Amino acid sequence: MKRTHLYAAVAIVCSSLPSFALVAHVGPRVGLNLANQWGKDSRDNAGILAGLVAGITVPLEIKPHLYLEPEIHFSMKGTAWDSTVLDENGDAFERINYVEIPVTVKFSLPGMGDNLVKPFLYLGPALGLRTNGYIQWNRSTAADNGTKSHYTLTEELNVVDLSIAGGGAVHIKLADGFFFLDVRYSLGLLKTDVSEADRKNWCGAVTLGYVFRLEKKEQLW
C-alpha cells in the first residue's frame, strides 16, 4: 500500500510540472584563452598567458530565449612572469592544461535581437580536470644563448579545478543551426597547488563556432 501511495505521489508531482520541448544542437567551438592567476600568493609581476581553448558544445534550447548549455573542452591556463623573481634575465611561464566541463544557463532579454541575430548572457559552473602542467624558463643572457629550462609539474598541482563562468554571446542563424561568437570570463574557486600557496586560475576567452540542430524531443510529463 505504501508503495502504491509513493507511485501516486510521484505521478501527481510529474503531472504538475510544465511540459516543454528541448531542441538539441551540437557543434565545435575554438578560441583564445588569456589566463592568469589570483590570490594572496599570486606573483606580483604576473602577466597574461595566451593559450588554446577548443571542444564541443551542446546547446539545449528550452525556449527561443533560453538554453541549457553543457560543454566539454580542452583549456590551456596558467600565468607568465619576468625572471626578476628568479635572479636571472629572461622570462618564465607556468602552463596548466585542463579538460573542462562547463554547464551554463544562457538567456536573452525579451525584445533583444531578431530571428537572425540574437545576443545572449550566460552564467554557470565549470569543472576542470588537470591533464598536465609545467614551468618553463626562457633565459635571454648572452652566456645562456637563449637556453630554455623545462620543469614538469605533477604532484605539485591539484587534479580538480572549479570555477564560475559568465559572459555574453551572439547567435547568428545559419541554415539549420547557428554560428556564434562568445566572450567569457571564468574565476577559479580552488587553489591550483596542493601546497598552502593561495593561487587560483582566472581566464578570459574569446571563442567562435557553429552548431547544427539534432532533433526535437517532447518531455514526457
N, C-alpha and C. Protein backbone atom coordinates (compact mmCIF):
# COMPACT_ATOMS: atom_id res chain seq x y z
N MET A 1 0.83 -1.21 0.00
CA MET A 1 0.00 0.00 0.00
C MET A 1 0.86 1.26 0.00
N LYS A 2 1.91 1.24 0.82
CA LYS A 2 2.78 2.41 0.88
C LYS A 2 3.43 2.66 -0.46
N ARG A 3 3.83 1.58 -1.15
CA ARG A 3 4.47 1.74 -2.45
C ARG A 3 3.48 2.34 -3.44
N THR A 4 2.21 1.93 -3.38
CA THR A 4 1.18 2.48 -4.26
C THR A 4 1.01 3.97 -4.01
N HIS A 5 1.04 4.37 -2.74
CA HIS A 5 0.93 5.80 -2.41
C HIS A 5 2.12 6.58 -2.95
N LEU A 6 3.32 5.98 -2.90
CA LEU A 6 4.52 6.64 -3.40
C LEU A 6 4.41 6.84 -4.91
N TYR A 7 3.97 5.80 -5.64
CA TYR A 7 3.81 5.92 -7.08
C TYR A 7 2.79 7.00 -7.42
N ALA A 8 1.73 7.05 -6.66
CA ALA A 8 0.70 8.06 -6.91
C ALA A 8 1.23 9.47 -6.68
N ALA A 9 2.03 9.62 -5.61
CA ALA A 9 2.59 10.94 -5.31
C ALA A 9 3.54 11.39 -6.41
N VAL A 10 4.39 10.47 -6.90
CA VAL A 10 5.31 10.81 -7.99
C VAL A 10 4.53 11.20 -9.24
N ALA A 11 3.47 10.48 -9.54
CA ALA A 11 2.66 10.78 -10.71
C ALA A 11 2.02 12.15 -10.61
N ILE A 12 1.56 12.52 -9.40
CA ILE A 12 0.93 13.83 -9.20
C ILE A 12 1.95 14.95 -9.38
N VAL A 13 3.17 14.75 -8.80
CA VAL A 13 4.21 15.78 -8.93
C VAL A 13 4.61 15.96 -10.39
N CYS A 14 4.82 14.86 -11.10
CA CYS A 14 5.22 14.95 -12.50
C CYS A 14 4.14 15.61 -13.36
N SER A 15 2.88 15.29 -13.08
CA SER A 15 1.81 15.87 -13.86
C SER A 15 1.64 17.36 -13.60
N SER A 16 2.13 17.83 -12.46
CA SER A 16 2.02 19.25 -12.13
C SER A 16 3.13 20.08 -12.74
N LEU A 17 4.22 19.43 -13.23
CA LEU A 17 5.32 20.15 -13.84
C LEU A 17 4.95 20.58 -15.25
N PRO A 18 5.39 21.76 -15.68
CA PRO A 18 5.08 22.21 -17.04
C PRO A 18 5.82 21.37 -18.07
N SER A 19 5.15 21.08 -19.17
CA SER A 19 5.79 20.35 -20.25
C SER A 19 6.46 21.33 -21.19
N PHE A 20 7.57 20.93 -21.76
CA PHE A 20 8.26 21.78 -22.71
C PHE A 20 9.07 20.91 -23.66
N ALA A 21 9.49 21.51 -24.75
CA ALA A 21 10.26 20.79 -25.76
C ALA A 21 11.71 21.20 -25.69
N LEU A 22 12.60 20.25 -25.88
CA LEU A 22 14.02 20.53 -25.94
C LEU A 22 14.49 20.37 -27.38
N VAL A 23 15.17 21.37 -27.89
CA VAL A 23 15.77 21.29 -29.21
C VAL A 23 17.28 21.19 -29.01
N ALA A 24 17.84 20.06 -29.38
CA ALA A 24 19.27 19.80 -29.15
C ALA A 24 20.10 20.24 -30.34
N HIS A 25 21.22 20.89 -30.04
CA HIS A 25 22.21 21.27 -31.04
C HIS A 25 23.57 20.72 -30.61
N VAL A 26 24.49 20.59 -31.53
CA VAL A 26 25.85 20.18 -31.19
C VAL A 26 26.81 20.76 -32.22
N GLY A 27 28.01 21.10 -31.77
CA GLY A 27 28.99 21.63 -32.70
C GLY A 27 30.29 21.99 -32.01
N PRO A 28 31.32 22.33 -32.80
CA PRO A 28 32.63 22.66 -32.24
C PRO A 28 32.72 24.13 -31.84
N ARG A 29 33.62 24.40 -30.91
CA ARG A 29 33.98 25.77 -30.56
C ARG A 29 35.49 25.82 -30.37
N VAL A 30 36.09 26.91 -30.80
CA VAL A 30 37.54 27.06 -30.69
C VAL A 30 37.86 28.53 -30.48
N GLY A 31 38.93 28.80 -29.73
CA GLY A 31 39.26 30.19 -29.48
C GLY A 31 40.53 30.37 -28.69
N LEU A 32 40.65 31.57 -28.13
CA LEU A 32 41.86 32.01 -27.45
C LEU A 32 41.58 32.24 -25.97
N ASN A 33 42.42 31.63 -25.12
CA ASN A 33 42.40 31.90 -23.68
C ASN A 33 43.44 32.97 -23.34
N LEU A 34 43.08 33.88 -22.44
CA LEU A 34 44.01 34.85 -21.87
C LEU A 34 43.96 34.64 -20.37
N ALA A 35 44.96 33.90 -19.84
CA ALA A 35 44.88 33.38 -18.48
C ALA A 35 45.89 34.06 -17.55
N ASN A 36 45.57 34.02 -16.27
CA ASN A 36 46.46 34.48 -15.22
C ASN A 36 46.00 33.82 -13.92
N GLN A 37 46.60 34.21 -12.80
CA GLN A 37 46.22 33.66 -11.50
C GLN A 37 45.94 34.80 -10.52
N TRP A 38 45.11 34.47 -9.53
CA TRP A 38 44.80 35.45 -8.49
C TRP A 38 44.89 34.76 -7.13
N GLY A 39 44.91 35.56 -6.07
CA GLY A 39 45.05 35.03 -4.71
C GLY A 39 46.17 35.76 -3.99
N LYS A 40 46.21 35.62 -2.68
CA LYS A 40 47.18 36.37 -1.89
C LYS A 40 48.62 35.96 -2.18
N ASP A 41 48.84 34.77 -2.73
CA ASP A 41 50.20 34.31 -3.04
C ASP A 41 50.51 34.34 -4.53
N SER A 42 49.65 34.98 -5.33
CA SER A 42 49.94 35.09 -6.75
C SER A 42 51.15 36.01 -6.95
N ARG A 43 51.87 35.81 -8.02
CA ARG A 43 53.10 36.55 -8.26
C ARG A 43 52.81 38.03 -8.52
N ASP A 44 53.63 38.91 -7.92
CA ASP A 44 53.40 40.35 -8.03
C ASP A 44 53.52 40.83 -9.46
N ASN A 45 54.43 40.26 -10.21
CA ASN A 45 54.66 40.72 -11.58
C ASN A 45 54.09 39.74 -12.61
N ALA A 46 53.04 39.05 -12.22
CA ALA A 46 52.43 38.07 -13.13
C ALA A 46 51.76 38.78 -14.30
N GLY A 47 51.79 38.11 -15.44
CA GLY A 47 51.17 38.65 -16.64
C GLY A 47 50.30 37.62 -17.33
N ILE A 48 49.68 38.06 -18.40
CA ILE A 48 48.75 37.21 -19.15
C ILE A 48 49.51 36.13 -19.93
N LEU A 49 48.96 34.93 -19.91
CA LEU A 49 49.50 33.81 -20.69
C LEU A 49 48.43 33.37 -21.70
N ALA A 50 48.75 33.46 -22.98
CA ALA A 50 47.80 33.08 -24.02
C ALA A 50 47.83 31.57 -24.24
N GLY A 51 46.67 31.01 -24.59
CA GLY A 51 46.58 29.58 -24.82
C GLY A 51 45.36 29.23 -25.65
N LEU A 52 45.22 27.98 -25.95
CA LEU A 52 44.14 27.47 -26.79
C LEU A 52 42.98 26.97 -25.92
N VAL A 53 41.77 27.18 -26.41
CA VAL A 53 40.60 26.51 -25.86
C VAL A 53 39.80 25.96 -27.04
N ALA A 54 39.44 24.67 -26.97
CA ALA A 54 38.73 24.03 -28.08
C ALA A 54 37.95 22.84 -27.56
N GLY A 55 36.77 22.63 -28.14
CA GLY A 55 35.97 21.49 -27.71
C GLY A 55 34.62 21.43 -28.39
N ILE A 56 33.68 20.80 -27.70
CA ILE A 56 32.33 20.57 -28.21
C ILE A 56 31.32 21.23 -27.28
N THR A 57 30.33 21.89 -27.86
CA THR A 57 29.24 22.47 -27.09
C THR A 57 27.92 21.84 -27.52
N VAL A 58 27.01 21.68 -26.57
CA VAL A 58 25.71 21.03 -26.83
C VAL A 58 24.60 21.93 -26.29
N PRO A 59 24.24 23.00 -27.01
CA PRO A 59 23.15 23.86 -26.55
C PRO A 59 21.80 23.13 -26.61
N LEU A 60 21.08 23.15 -25.51
CA LEU A 60 19.75 22.56 -25.43
C LEU A 60 18.74 23.70 -25.32
N GLU A 61 18.02 23.93 -26.39
CA GLU A 61 17.07 25.05 -26.44
C GLU A 61 15.78 24.68 -25.71
N ILE A 62 15.54 25.35 -24.60
CA ILE A 62 14.30 25.15 -23.84
C ILE A 62 13.20 26.05 -24.40
N LYS A 63 13.56 27.29 -24.61
CA LYS A 63 12.72 28.28 -25.27
C LYS A 63 13.62 29.05 -26.24
N PRO A 64 13.05 29.80 -27.20
CA PRO A 64 13.91 30.55 -28.12
C PRO A 64 14.87 31.51 -27.43
N HIS A 65 14.54 31.93 -26.21
CA HIS A 65 15.39 32.87 -25.49
C HIS A 65 16.12 32.22 -24.32
N LEU A 66 16.04 30.86 -24.19
CA LEU A 66 16.61 30.19 -23.02
C LEU A 66 17.26 28.87 -23.42
N TYR A 67 18.54 28.70 -23.03
CA TYR A 67 19.28 27.48 -23.33
C TYR A 67 19.94 26.94 -22.06
N LEU A 68 20.03 25.63 -21.98
CA LEU A 68 20.93 24.96 -21.04
C LEU A 68 22.08 24.42 -21.88
N GLU A 69 23.33 24.81 -21.55
CA GLU A 69 24.44 24.52 -22.46
C GLU A 69 25.60 23.81 -21.77
N PRO A 70 25.63 22.49 -21.81
CA PRO A 70 26.82 21.75 -21.36
C PRO A 70 27.89 21.76 -22.45
N GLU A 71 29.15 21.73 -22.02
CA GLU A 71 30.27 21.72 -22.95
C GLU A 71 31.35 20.78 -22.41
N ILE A 72 32.24 20.40 -23.28
CA ILE A 72 33.47 19.75 -22.86
C ILE A 72 34.58 20.27 -23.77
N HIS A 73 35.66 20.76 -23.17
CA HIS A 73 36.73 21.31 -23.99
C HIS A 73 38.08 21.21 -23.30
N PHE A 74 39.11 21.34 -24.11
CA PHE A 74 40.48 21.40 -23.64
C PHE A 74 40.83 22.86 -23.45
N SER A 75 41.39 23.21 -22.29
CA SER A 75 41.64 24.60 -21.95
C SER A 75 43.04 24.76 -21.38
N MET A 76 43.81 25.67 -21.97
CA MET A 76 45.18 25.95 -21.52
C MET A 76 45.17 27.19 -20.64
N LYS A 77 45.58 27.01 -19.37
CA LYS A 77 45.60 28.11 -18.42
C LYS A 77 47.00 28.25 -17.82
N GLY A 78 47.16 29.19 -16.89
CA GLY A 78 48.46 29.39 -16.26
C GLY A 78 48.75 30.85 -16.02
N THR A 79 50.04 31.19 -15.97
CA THR A 79 50.47 32.56 -15.73
C THR A 79 51.89 32.74 -16.26
N ALA A 80 52.26 33.99 -16.52
CA ALA A 80 53.60 34.31 -17.00
C ALA A 80 54.20 35.40 -16.12
N TRP A 81 55.52 35.44 -16.03
CA TRP A 81 56.18 36.47 -15.24
C TRP A 81 57.59 36.68 -15.76
N ASP A 82 58.16 37.87 -15.46
CA ASP A 82 59.54 38.09 -15.85
C ASP A 82 60.44 37.50 -14.77
N SER A 83 61.68 37.25 -15.13
CA SER A 83 62.55 36.44 -14.29
C SER A 83 63.27 37.23 -13.21
N THR A 84 62.84 38.44 -12.93
CA THR A 84 63.48 39.17 -11.84
C THR A 84 63.29 38.42 -10.52
N VAL A 85 62.21 37.66 -10.41
CA VAL A 85 61.99 36.88 -9.19
C VAL A 85 62.92 35.66 -9.14
N LEU A 86 63.56 35.35 -10.26
CA LEU A 86 64.47 34.20 -10.32
C LEU A 86 65.93 34.63 -10.28
N ASP A 87 66.16 35.94 -10.15
CA ASP A 87 67.53 36.49 -10.13
C ASP A 87 68.31 36.13 -11.38
N GLU A 88 67.64 36.13 -12.51
CA GLU A 88 68.31 35.90 -13.79
C GLU A 88 67.50 36.60 -14.86
N ASN A 89 68.16 36.87 -15.98
CA ASN A 89 67.48 37.56 -17.07
C ASN A 89 66.63 36.60 -17.87
N GLY A 90 65.51 37.12 -18.38
CA GLY A 90 64.63 36.29 -19.19
C GLY A 90 63.20 36.36 -18.69
N ASP A 91 62.44 35.36 -19.03
CA ASP A 91 61.04 35.29 -18.60
C ASP A 91 60.68 33.84 -18.33
N ALA A 92 59.51 33.67 -17.73
CA ALA A 92 59.06 32.31 -17.37
C ALA A 92 57.54 32.25 -17.46
N PHE A 93 57.03 31.05 -17.57
CA PHE A 93 55.58 30.86 -17.50
C PHE A 93 55.27 29.49 -16.92
N GLU A 94 54.09 29.42 -16.30
CA GLU A 94 53.56 28.17 -15.78
C GLU A 94 52.31 27.81 -16.58
N ARG A 95 52.34 26.68 -17.23
CA ARG A 95 51.21 26.23 -18.05
C ARG A 95 50.51 25.08 -17.34
N ILE A 96 49.19 25.21 -17.18
CA ILE A 96 48.38 24.13 -16.61
C ILE A 96 47.24 23.86 -17.59
N ASN A 97 47.15 22.63 -18.06
CA ASN A 97 46.13 22.25 -19.03
C ASN A 97 45.01 21.45 -18.36
N TYR A 98 43.78 21.73 -18.77
CA TYR A 98 42.62 21.08 -18.18
C TYR A 98 41.68 20.57 -19.26
N VAL A 99 40.95 19.51 -18.92
CA VAL A 99 39.72 19.16 -19.61
C VAL A 99 38.59 19.75 -18.76
N GLU A 100 37.83 20.67 -19.33
CA GLU A 100 36.80 21.38 -18.57
C GLU A 100 35.41 20.98 -19.04
N ILE A 101 34.48 20.97 -18.07
CA ILE A 101 33.08 20.66 -18.36
C ILE A 101 32.22 21.78 -17.77
N PRO A 102 32.00 22.86 -18.52
CA PRO A 102 31.09 23.90 -18.05
C PRO A 102 29.64 23.53 -18.34
N VAL A 103 28.74 23.96 -17.48
CA VAL A 103 27.30 23.82 -17.70
C VAL A 103 26.69 25.18 -17.37
N THR A 104 26.26 25.90 -18.39
CA THR A 104 25.76 27.25 -18.19
C THR A 104 24.30 27.37 -18.61
N VAL A 105 23.64 28.36 -18.04
CA VAL A 105 22.29 28.76 -18.45
C VAL A 105 22.44 30.03 -19.28
N LYS A 106 21.97 29.96 -20.51
CA LYS A 106 22.12 31.08 -21.45
C LYS A 106 20.74 31.66 -21.74
N PHE A 107 20.63 32.98 -21.65
CA PHE A 107 19.32 33.61 -21.83
C PHE A 107 19.48 34.96 -22.53
N SER A 108 18.43 35.35 -23.23
CA SER A 108 18.38 36.68 -23.83
C SER A 108 17.18 37.42 -23.23
N LEU A 109 17.29 38.72 -23.13
CA LEU A 109 16.20 39.52 -22.59
C LEU A 109 15.12 39.69 -23.65
N PRO A 110 13.85 39.75 -23.23
CA PRO A 110 12.77 39.93 -24.21
C PRO A 110 12.99 41.18 -25.05
N GLY A 111 12.77 41.02 -26.35
CA GLY A 111 12.93 42.17 -27.24
C GLY A 111 14.32 42.36 -27.78
N MET A 112 15.30 41.56 -27.30
CA MET A 112 16.67 41.69 -27.78
C MET A 112 16.86 40.87 -29.05
N GLY A 113 17.39 41.49 -30.09
CA GLY A 113 17.69 40.79 -31.32
C GLY A 113 16.46 40.49 -32.15
N ASP A 114 16.67 39.69 -33.20
CA ASP A 114 15.58 39.29 -34.08
C ASP A 114 15.74 37.82 -34.42
N ASN A 115 15.07 37.37 -35.48
CA ASN A 115 15.12 35.95 -35.83
C ASN A 115 16.47 35.52 -36.39
N LEU A 116 17.27 36.47 -36.87
CA LEU A 116 18.56 36.13 -37.47
C LEU A 116 19.73 36.33 -36.52
N VAL A 117 19.72 37.39 -35.75
CA VAL A 117 20.81 37.72 -34.84
C VAL A 117 20.23 37.94 -33.45
N LYS A 118 20.77 37.22 -32.45
CA LYS A 118 20.25 37.34 -31.10
C LYS A 118 21.39 37.33 -30.09
N PRO A 119 21.48 38.35 -29.22
CA PRO A 119 22.51 38.36 -28.17
C PRO A 119 22.04 37.60 -26.93
N PHE A 120 23.00 37.00 -26.22
CA PHE A 120 22.70 36.22 -25.03
C PHE A 120 23.67 36.57 -23.90
N LEU A 121 23.22 36.37 -22.67
CA LEU A 121 24.08 36.38 -21.49
C LEU A 121 24.02 35.00 -20.87
N TYR A 122 25.07 34.59 -20.16
CA TYR A 122 25.05 33.25 -19.55
C TYR A 122 25.91 33.21 -18.30
N LEU A 123 25.62 32.19 -17.48
CA LEU A 123 26.33 32.01 -16.21
C LEU A 123 26.22 30.55 -15.79
N GLY A 124 27.28 30.03 -15.18
CA GLY A 124 27.22 28.66 -14.68
C GLY A 124 28.56 28.18 -14.17
N PRO A 125 28.59 27.00 -13.55
CA PRO A 125 29.82 26.42 -13.02
C PRO A 125 30.60 25.68 -14.10
N ALA A 126 31.90 25.49 -13.85
CA ALA A 126 32.75 24.72 -14.75
C ALA A 126 33.68 23.84 -13.93
N LEU A 127 33.64 22.55 -14.18
CA LEU A 127 34.52 21.59 -13.52
C LEU A 127 35.73 21.34 -14.41
N GLY A 128 36.93 21.46 -13.84
CA GLY A 128 38.15 21.22 -14.60
C GLY A 128 38.93 20.04 -14.04
N LEU A 129 39.45 19.21 -14.93
CA LEU A 129 40.30 18.08 -14.56
C LEU A 129 41.67 18.31 -15.18
N ARG A 130 42.67 18.50 -14.33
CA ARG A 130 44.01 18.81 -14.82
C ARG A 130 44.62 17.62 -15.56
N THR A 131 45.14 17.87 -16.75
CA THR A 131 45.79 16.82 -17.52
C THR A 131 47.30 16.84 -17.32
N ASN A 132 47.91 18.03 -17.37
CA ASN A 132 49.35 18.13 -17.15
C ASN A 132 49.70 19.60 -16.86
N GLY A 133 50.92 19.81 -16.41
CA GLY A 133 51.39 21.16 -16.14
C GLY A 133 52.90 21.21 -16.14
N TYR A 134 53.44 22.40 -16.38
CA TYR A 134 54.89 22.55 -16.38
C TYR A 134 55.26 24.03 -16.24
N ILE A 135 56.50 24.26 -15.85
CA ILE A 135 57.09 25.60 -15.81
C ILE A 135 58.23 25.64 -16.81
N GLN A 136 58.30 26.72 -17.55
CA GLN A 136 59.40 26.89 -18.50
C GLN A 136 60.07 28.24 -18.29
N TRP A 137 61.40 28.23 -18.17
CA TRP A 137 62.20 29.45 -18.07
C TRP A 137 62.90 29.68 -19.40
N ASN A 138 62.81 30.91 -19.90
CA ASN A 138 63.48 31.29 -21.14
C ASN A 138 64.56 32.32 -20.79
N ARG A 139 65.81 31.88 -20.73
CA ARG A 139 66.91 32.78 -20.38
C ARG A 139 67.36 33.56 -21.61
N SER A 140 67.65 34.84 -21.41
CA SER A 140 67.98 35.71 -22.53
C SER A 140 69.39 36.28 -22.47
N THR A 141 70.22 35.85 -21.52
CA THR A 141 71.59 36.36 -21.42
C THR A 141 72.46 35.80 -22.54
N ALA A 142 73.50 36.53 -22.87
CA ALA A 142 74.41 36.09 -23.93
C ALA A 142 75.09 34.76 -23.56
N ALA A 143 75.41 34.61 -22.27
CA ALA A 143 76.08 33.39 -21.82
C ALA A 143 75.18 32.17 -21.99
N ASP A 144 73.88 32.35 -21.71
CA ASP A 144 72.95 31.23 -21.82
C ASP A 144 72.49 31.00 -23.25
N ASN A 145 72.63 32.06 -24.09
CA ASN A 145 72.29 31.94 -25.50
C ASN A 145 70.85 31.46 -25.71
N GLY A 146 69.94 32.04 -24.94
CA GLY A 146 68.52 31.71 -25.10
C GLY A 146 68.15 30.34 -24.61
N THR A 147 68.85 29.81 -23.63
CA THR A 147 68.58 28.47 -23.11
C THR A 147 67.21 28.42 -22.45
N LYS A 148 66.51 27.30 -22.65
CA LYS A 148 65.21 27.08 -22.03
C LYS A 148 65.32 25.94 -21.02
N SER A 149 64.70 26.15 -19.85
CA SER A 149 64.64 25.10 -18.83
C SER A 149 63.19 24.70 -18.64
N HIS A 150 62.94 23.41 -18.59
CA HIS A 150 61.57 22.89 -18.54
C HIS A 150 61.44 22.00 -17.30
N TYR A 151 60.41 22.30 -16.49
CA TYR A 151 60.19 21.51 -15.28
C TYR A 151 58.74 21.03 -15.26
N THR A 152 58.54 19.73 -15.26
CA THR A 152 57.19 19.16 -15.27
C THR A 152 56.59 19.19 -13.87
N LEU A 153 55.33 19.60 -13.82
CA LEU A 153 54.59 19.65 -12.56
C LEU A 153 53.58 18.51 -12.54
N THR A 154 53.63 17.66 -11.53
CA THR A 154 52.67 16.57 -11.41
C THR A 154 52.05 16.59 -10.02
N GLU A 155 52.80 16.14 -9.02
CA GLU A 155 52.27 16.09 -7.67
C GLU A 155 52.07 17.48 -7.06
N GLU A 156 52.67 18.50 -7.67
CA GLU A 156 52.56 19.86 -7.13
C GLU A 156 51.20 20.49 -7.41
N LEU A 157 50.44 19.95 -8.36
CA LEU A 157 49.20 20.57 -8.79
C LEU A 157 47.98 19.75 -8.37
N ASN A 158 46.92 20.45 -8.01
CA ASN A 158 45.65 19.78 -7.73
C ASN A 158 45.06 19.24 -9.03
N VAL A 159 44.39 18.11 -8.93
CA VAL A 159 43.79 17.48 -10.10
C VAL A 159 42.51 18.17 -10.50
N VAL A 160 41.75 18.66 -9.52
CA VAL A 160 40.42 19.22 -9.78
C VAL A 160 40.45 20.74 -9.66
N ASP A 161 39.78 21.39 -10.58
CA ASP A 161 39.57 22.83 -10.52
C ASP A 161 38.08 23.10 -10.66
N LEU A 162 37.61 24.14 -10.01
CA LEU A 162 36.21 24.53 -10.08
C LEU A 162 36.15 26.03 -10.27
N SER A 163 35.35 26.48 -11.21
CA SER A 163 35.26 27.90 -11.48
C SER A 163 33.82 28.30 -11.82
N ILE A 164 33.58 29.60 -11.78
CA ILE A 164 32.32 30.18 -12.22
C ILE A 164 32.58 30.90 -13.53
N ALA A 165 31.80 30.57 -14.54
CA ALA A 165 31.98 31.16 -15.86
C ALA A 165 30.77 32.00 -16.22
N GLY A 166 31.02 33.15 -16.81
CA GLY A 166 29.94 34.02 -17.26
C GLY A 166 30.39 34.87 -18.43
N GLY A 167 29.43 35.34 -19.20
CA GLY A 167 29.81 36.17 -20.33
C GLY A 167 28.64 36.43 -21.24
N GLY A 168 28.97 36.73 -22.48
CA GLY A 168 27.95 37.05 -23.48
C GLY A 168 28.26 36.36 -24.79
N ALA A 169 27.23 36.18 -25.60
CA ALA A 169 27.37 35.52 -26.89
C ALA A 169 26.38 36.12 -27.87
N VAL A 170 26.69 35.97 -29.15
CA VAL A 170 25.79 36.37 -30.22
C VAL A 170 25.54 35.17 -31.11
N HIS A 171 24.25 34.84 -31.32
CA HIS A 171 23.86 33.77 -32.23
C HIS A 171 23.46 34.37 -33.56
N ILE A 172 23.99 33.81 -34.65
CA ILE A 172 23.62 34.24 -35.99
C ILE A 172 23.06 33.03 -36.72
N LYS A 173 21.77 33.04 -36.99
CA LYS A 173 21.12 31.88 -37.61
C LYS A 173 21.69 31.62 -38.99
N LEU A 174 22.02 30.35 -39.22
CA LEU A 174 22.63 29.96 -40.49
C LEU A 174 22.20 28.54 -40.80
N ALA A 175 21.43 28.37 -41.88
CA ALA A 175 20.90 27.07 -42.29
C ALA A 175 20.09 26.47 -41.13
N ASP A 176 20.37 25.20 -40.77
CA ASP A 176 19.59 24.54 -39.71
C ASP A 176 20.33 24.59 -38.38
N GLY A 177 21.06 25.65 -38.14
CA GLY A 177 21.79 25.82 -36.90
C GLY A 177 22.12 27.28 -36.71
N PHE A 178 23.20 27.57 -36.00
CA PHE A 178 23.61 28.95 -35.85
C PHE A 178 25.11 29.05 -35.59
N PHE A 179 25.69 30.11 -36.12
CA PHE A 179 27.06 30.50 -35.84
C PHE A 179 27.05 31.32 -34.56
N PHE A 180 28.11 31.21 -33.73
CA PHE A 180 28.13 32.00 -32.51
C PHE A 180 29.52 32.57 -32.24
N LEU A 181 29.51 33.73 -31.63
CA LEU A 181 30.71 34.38 -31.12
C LEU A 181 30.51 34.57 -29.63
N ASP A 182 31.51 34.16 -28.85
CA ASP A 182 31.35 34.05 -27.40
C ASP A 182 32.52 34.75 -26.70
N VAL A 183 32.21 35.58 -25.71
CA VAL A 183 33.22 36.22 -24.87
C VAL A 183 32.94 35.80 -23.43
N ARG A 184 33.95 35.23 -22.76
CA ARG A 184 33.73 34.59 -21.45
C ARG A 184 34.80 34.98 -20.45
N TYR A 185 34.39 35.06 -19.20
CA TYR A 185 35.33 35.24 -18.09
C TYR A 185 35.04 34.15 -17.06
N SER A 186 36.09 33.47 -16.60
CA SER A 186 35.92 32.44 -15.57
C SER A 186 36.84 32.73 -14.40
N LEU A 187 36.32 32.55 -13.21
CA LEU A 187 37.05 32.81 -11.97
C LEU A 187 37.20 31.52 -11.19
N GLY A 188 38.44 31.08 -10.97
CA GLY A 188 38.68 29.85 -10.24
C GLY A 188 38.38 29.99 -8.76
N LEU A 189 37.81 28.93 -8.18
CA LEU A 189 37.44 28.92 -6.76
C LEU A 189 38.35 28.04 -5.93
N LEU A 190 39.14 27.17 -6.57
CA LEU A 190 40.02 26.25 -5.87
C LEU A 190 41.48 26.58 -6.17
N LYS A 191 42.36 26.27 -5.23
CA LYS A 191 43.78 26.51 -5.43
C LYS A 191 44.34 25.59 -6.52
N THR A 192 45.27 26.13 -7.29
CA THR A 192 45.92 25.32 -8.32
C THR A 192 46.95 24.38 -7.73
N ASP A 193 47.58 24.77 -6.59
CA ASP A 193 48.66 23.99 -5.99
C ASP A 193 48.16 23.16 -4.81
N VAL A 194 48.82 22.03 -4.57
CA VAL A 194 48.50 21.22 -3.40
C VAL A 194 49.11 21.83 -2.14
N SER A 195 50.05 22.75 -2.30
CA SER A 195 50.68 23.40 -1.15
C SER A 195 49.71 24.41 -0.53
N GLU A 196 50.21 25.12 0.49
CA GLU A 196 49.39 26.13 1.14
C GLU A 196 49.30 27.42 0.35
N ALA A 197 50.05 27.54 -0.74
CA ALA A 197 50.04 28.76 -1.55
C ALA A 197 48.65 29.03 -2.11
N ASP A 198 48.18 30.26 -1.91
CA ASP A 198 46.85 30.65 -2.36
C ASP A 198 46.94 31.25 -3.77
N ARG A 199 46.87 30.40 -4.76
CA ARG A 199 46.86 30.82 -6.16
C ARG A 199 45.74 30.09 -6.88
N LYS A 200 44.91 30.86 -7.57
CA LYS A 200 43.77 30.30 -8.30
C LYS A 200 43.77 30.83 -9.72
N ASN A 201 43.13 30.09 -10.60
CA ASN A 201 43.06 30.50 -12.00
C ASN A 201 42.02 31.59 -12.23
N TRP A 202 42.30 32.47 -13.16
CA TRP A 202 41.24 33.26 -13.80
C TRP A 202 41.56 33.33 -15.27
N CYS A 203 40.54 33.50 -16.08
CA CYS A 203 40.76 33.38 -17.52
C CYS A 203 39.67 34.12 -18.29
N GLY A 204 40.10 34.87 -19.29
CA GLY A 204 39.18 35.42 -20.28
C GLY A 204 39.33 34.63 -21.56
N ALA A 205 38.26 34.50 -22.31
CA ALA A 205 38.32 33.70 -23.54
C ALA A 205 37.41 34.31 -24.61
N VAL A 206 37.86 34.22 -25.84
CA VAL A 206 37.06 34.60 -27.00
C VAL A 206 37.00 33.37 -27.90
N THR A 207 35.79 32.88 -28.17
CA THR A 207 35.64 31.68 -28.99
C THR A 207 34.58 31.89 -30.05
N LEU A 208 34.63 31.07 -31.06
CA LEU A 208 33.59 31.06 -32.08
C LEU A 208 33.34 29.62 -32.49
N GLY A 209 32.20 29.41 -33.13
CA GLY A 209 31.86 28.05 -33.54
C GLY A 209 30.55 28.02 -34.29
N TYR A 210 30.15 26.82 -34.65
CA TYR A 210 28.88 26.61 -35.33
C TYR A 210 28.24 25.35 -34.78
N VAL A 211 26.94 25.42 -34.49
CA VAL A 211 26.21 24.24 -34.03
C VAL A 211 25.04 23.97 -34.98
N PHE A 212 24.75 22.69 -35.18
CA PHE A 212 23.64 22.30 -36.03
C PHE A 212 22.60 21.56 -35.20
N ARG A 213 21.39 21.65 -35.63
CA ARG A 213 20.27 21.07 -34.90
C ARG A 213 20.23 19.55 -35.07
N LEU A 214 19.97 18.87 -33.95
CA LEU A 214 19.85 17.41 -34.00
C LEU A 214 18.40 16.99 -34.15
N GLU A 215 17.62 17.16 -33.08
CA GLU A 215 16.22 16.77 -33.13
C GLU A 215 15.47 17.44 -32.01
N LYS A 216 14.16 17.33 -32.06
CA LYS A 216 13.28 17.92 -31.07
C LYS A 216 12.57 16.82 -30.31
N LYS A 217 12.64 16.88 -28.98
CA LYS A 217 12.04 15.84 -28.15
C LYS A 217 11.08 16.46 -27.14
N GLU A 218 9.90 15.92 -27.07
CA GLU A 218 8.93 16.38 -26.09
C GLU A 218 9.20 15.73 -24.74
N GLN A 219 9.12 16.52 -23.67
CA GLN A 219 9.28 15.95 -22.33
C GLN A 219 8.02 15.17 -21.96
N LEU A 220 8.20 14.00 -21.42
CA LEU A 220 7.05 13.10 -21.22
C LEU A 220 6.46 13.25 -19.82
N TRP A 221 5.96 14.43 -19.51
CA TRP A 221 5.09 14.60 -18.33
C TRP A 221 4.26 15.85 -18.47
